[in-house]
Amino acid sequence: MKKNSLILAGIFMVFLMVSCGSGKGDKLTERIQYDVTIKSPEKDLEWWVQNLEGPKREKLVQAIIESARSGKVKVYDVMSNKVLDEQQIKDQGTRTELLTLQRPQEPYEEYDTVIKRELQLSDITRIRFLEQWYLNESSGKITKEILAICPLVESYTEEGTYRGHQPLFWLSYNKKFPLETK
């Protein structure tokens, strides 16, 4: 009798685990994309609002860049969604600017100069997430699955006016990236 009870209890537990699946719940959305500020420009906010603590932010950004450069994850171009090779990934992190300067001595002629600047970890102040969301109706719990992330850097005009955030590349953690839904 005791043995049968244990077997029935075991079967019931297996049934519960199978019927509950992964515990994620029903899929709310196949894709949702949004930006998260990890280094807040607002000085009046509490330190943790739209901000990761300095060493933790640097550790996260370094892990993202290292994952991209090492080939641990597939890296895609933001515009074309084509896979980037190692050199293309490195090039994404290099900024080349053409500046027109004026000579300090007569005849004060203008000349062009190219400035090449390597990406600094501190330049990445936002991360764009591409996720799937699930809702477990019985618990009300929302589970998010990260499909891809995209580091963002601030972009400025030649005059120094803020343009917005420029995406570098997508790091994909999902085989269906970027737009496949089947």
Protein backbone atom coordinates (compact mmCIF):
# COMPACT_ATOMS: atom_id res chain seq x y z
CA MET A 1 0.00 0.00 0.00
CA LYS A 2 2.81 2.38 0.97
CA LYS A 3 4.67 1.50 -2.24
CA ASN A 4 1.58 2.24 -4.39
CA SER A 5 1.13 5.60 -2.65
CA LEU A 6 4.71 6.54 -3.42
CA ILE A 7 4.30 5.52 -7.06
CA LEU A 8 1.07 7.54 -7.38
CA ALA A 9 2.72 10.53 -5.70
CA GLY A 10 5.66 10.25 -8.12
CA ILE A 11 3.34 10.03 -11.13
CA PHE A 12 1.40 13.07 -9.85
CA MET A 13 4.63 15.08 -9.44
CA VAL A 14 5.75 14.19 -12.97
CA PHE A 15 2.32 15.14 -14.29
CA LEU A 16 2.52 18.51 -12.51
CA MET A 17 6.01 19.22 -13.85
CA VAL A 18 5.02 18.31 -17.42
CA SER A 19 1.75 20.26 -17.33
CA CYS A 20 3.46 23.35 -15.91
CA GLY A 21 6.11 23.19 -18.62
CA SER A 22 9.06 25.48 -18.04
CA GLY A 23 7.11 27.69 -15.66
CA LYS A 24 7.35 30.62 -18.04
CA GLY A 25 3.64 30.72 -18.79
CA ASP A 26 1.94 31.93 -21.96
CA LYS A 27 3.91 34.00 -24.43
CA LEU A 28 2.84 37.65 -24.21
CA THR A 29 4.95 38.80 -27.14
CA GLU A 30 7.28 37.24 -29.67
CA ARG A 31 9.43 40.38 -29.74
CA ILE A 32 9.70 43.54 -27.67
CA GLN A 33 12.55 46.03 -27.93
CA TYR A 34 13.51 48.83 -25.57
CA ASP A 35 16.52 50.81 -24.35
CA VAL A 36 17.83 50.80 -20.79
CA THR A 37 20.06 53.60 -19.54
CA ILE A 38 22.95 52.15 -17.55
CA LYS A 39 24.76 55.47 -16.91
CA SER A 40 22.34 58.24 -16.05
CA PRO A 41 23.17 61.77 -17.18
CA GLU A 42 20.76 63.12 -14.53
CA LYS A 43 22.64 64.33 -11.46
CA ASP A 44 19.48 64.94 -9.37
CA LEU A 45 18.26 61.33 -9.44
CA GLU A 46 19.06 58.71 -6.82
CA TRP A 47 22.25 56.86 -7.87
CA TRP A 48 20.40 53.65 -8.76
CA VAL A 49 17.74 55.23 -11.01
CA GLN A 50 18.61 54.53 -14.66
CA ASN A 51 22.10 53.65 -13.53
CA LEU A 52 24.35 50.72 -12.72
CA GLU A 53 27.06 51.22 -10.15
CA GLY A 54 30.37 52.06 -11.88
CA PRO A 55 32.32 48.79 -11.40
CA LYS A 56 29.24 46.66 -12.16
CA ARG A 57 28.46 48.71 -15.28
CA GLU A 58 32.06 48.35 -16.47
CA LYS A 59 31.97 44.59 -15.81
CA LEU A 60 28.72 44.23 -17.81
CA VAL A 61 29.94 46.34 -20.74
CA GLN A 62 33.30 44.56 -20.79
CA ALA A 63 31.53 41.17 -20.86
CA ILE A 64 29.33 42.32 -23.76
CA ILE A 65 32.25 43.63 -25.80
CA GLU A 66 34.40 40.59 -25.00
CA SER A 67 31.57 38.24 -26.03
CA ALA A 68 31.29 40.07 -29.33
CA ARG A 69 35.02 40.10 -30.05
CA SER A 70 35.65 36.50 -28.97
CA GLY A 71 32.96 35.01 -31.20
CA LYS A 72 31.08 33.44 -28.27
CA VAL A 73 27.84 34.82 -29.70
CA LYS A 74 26.78 35.83 -33.20
CA VAL A 75 27.09 39.54 -33.87
CA TYR A 76 24.87 41.28 -36.42
CA ASP A 77 24.97 44.63 -38.16
CA VAL A 78 22.19 46.89 -36.89
CA MET A 79 21.05 48.04 -40.34
CA SER A 80 21.50 44.97 -42.55
CA ASN A 81 21.18 42.19 -39.93
CA LYS A 82 24.17 40.48 -41.59
CA VAL A 83 26.64 38.58 -39.42
CA LEU A 84 29.77 40.63 -38.70
CA ASP A 85 33.28 39.17 -38.72
CA GLU A 86 35.99 40.02 -36.17
CA GLN A 87 37.37 43.01 -38.13
CA GLN A 88 33.90 44.45 -38.75
CA ILE A 89 33.13 44.21 -35.02
CA LYS A 90 36.36 46.05 -34.22
CA ASP A 91 35.55 48.70 -36.83
CA GLN A 92 32.13 49.29 -35.22
CA GLY A 93 33.93 50.38 -32.07
CA THR A 94 36.19 52.84 -33.87
CA ARG A 95 35.03 56.35 -34.55
CA THR A 96 36.59 58.26 -37.41
CA GLU A 97 35.88 61.96 -37.67
CA LEU A 98 36.95 64.45 -40.30
CA LEU A 99 37.61 67.86 -38.78
CA THR A 100 38.35 71.09 -40.59
CA LEU A 101 40.85 73.14 -38.61
CA GLN A 102 42.54 76.49 -39.17
CA ARG A 103 46.29 77.01 -39.00
CA PRO A 104 47.38 79.33 -36.17
CA GLN A 105 49.86 81.28 -38.36
CA GLU A 106 49.27 83.38 -41.43
CA PRO A 107 47.75 82.86 -43.95
CA TYR A 108 45.41 81.01 -41.48
CA GLU A 109 44.43 78.48 -44.11
CA GLU A 110 42.03 75.69 -43.30
CA TYR A 111 43.03 72.04 -43.46
CA ASP A 112 41.29 68.73 -42.91
CA THR A 113 42.45 66.19 -40.37
CA VAL A 114 41.17 62.72 -39.59
CA ILE A 115 40.81 61.73 -35.95
CA LYS A 116 40.45 58.06 -35.14
CA ARG A 117 39.17 57.18 -31.67
CA GLU A 118 38.84 53.69 -30.21
CA LEU A 119 35.73 52.76 -28.28
CA GLN A 120 36.02 53.24 -24.52
CA LEU A 121 33.85 51.12 -22.20
CA SER A 122 32.60 54.35 -20.60
CA ASP A 123 31.20 55.43 -24.00
CA ILE A 124 28.46 52.77 -23.72
CA THR A 125 25.71 54.39 -21.65
CA ARG A 126 22.66 52.41 -22.81
CA ILE A 127 21.78 48.88 -23.80
CA ARG A 128 18.97 47.97 -26.19
CA PHE A 129 17.19 44.71 -25.38
CA LEU A 130 15.25 42.43 -27.73
CA GLU A 131 13.17 40.01 -25.65
CA GLN A 132 10.28 37.57 -25.51
CA TRP A 133 7.90 38.01 -22.59
CA TYR A 134 5.81 35.32 -20.89
CA LEU A 135 2.97 35.63 -18.37
CA ASN A 136 2.19 32.98 -15.77
CA GLU A 137 -1.47 33.82 -15.13
CA SER A 138 -1.73 31.79 -11.96
CA SER A 139 1.09 33.65 -10.23
CA GLY A 140 0.99 36.92 -12.18
CA LYS A 141 4.72 36.53 -12.78
CA ILE A 142 6.24 37.94 -15.98
CA THR A 143 9.32 36.16 -17.30
CA LYS A 144 11.60 37.74 -19.89
CA GLU A 145 13.88 35.88 -22.25
CA ILE A 146 16.68 37.98 -23.74
CA LEU A 147 17.04 37.23 -27.44
CA ALA A 148 19.65 39.89 -28.25
CA ILE A 149 21.32 42.98 -26.85
CA CYS A 150 22.80 46.03 -28.53
CA PRO A 151 25.27 48.41 -26.87
CA LEU A 152 24.53 52.09 -27.55
CA VAL A 153 26.92 55.06 -27.53
CA GLU A 154 26.10 58.75 -27.42
CA SER A 155 26.38 60.47 -30.78
CA TYR A 156 27.17 64.16 -31.36
CA THR A 157 27.37 66.47 -34.37
CA GLU A 158 30.63 68.16 -35.35
CA GLU A 159 29.44 71.19 -33.38
CA GLY A 160 28.99 69.07 -30.25
CA THR A 161 25.18 68.92 -30.32
CA TYR A 162 23.74 65.69 -28.93
CA ARG A 163 22.11 63.61 -31.72
CA GLY A 164 20.98 60.61 -29.73
CA HIS A 165 22.32 57.14 -29.10
CA GLN A 166 23.98 55.20 -31.89
CA PRO A 167 23.68 51.38 -31.87
CA LEU A 168 26.94 49.49 -32.37
CA PHE A 169 25.77 45.94 -33.20
CA TRP A 170 23.39 43.20 -32.05
CA LEU A 171 24.65 40.26 -30.00
CA SER A 172 22.24 37.41 -30.55
CA TYR A 173 21.52 34.75 -27.92
CA ASN A 174 18.83 33.11 -30.03
CA LYS A 175 18.99 31.13 -33.27
CA LYS A 176 15.88 32.90 -34.61
CA PHE A 177 17.48 36.36 -34.55
CA PRO A 178 16.75 38.84 -35.96
CA LEU A 179 13.21 38.54 -37.31
CA GLU A 180 12.37 34.90 -37.81
CA THR A 181 9.33 33.97 -35.79
CA LYS A 182 8.92 30.30 -36.71
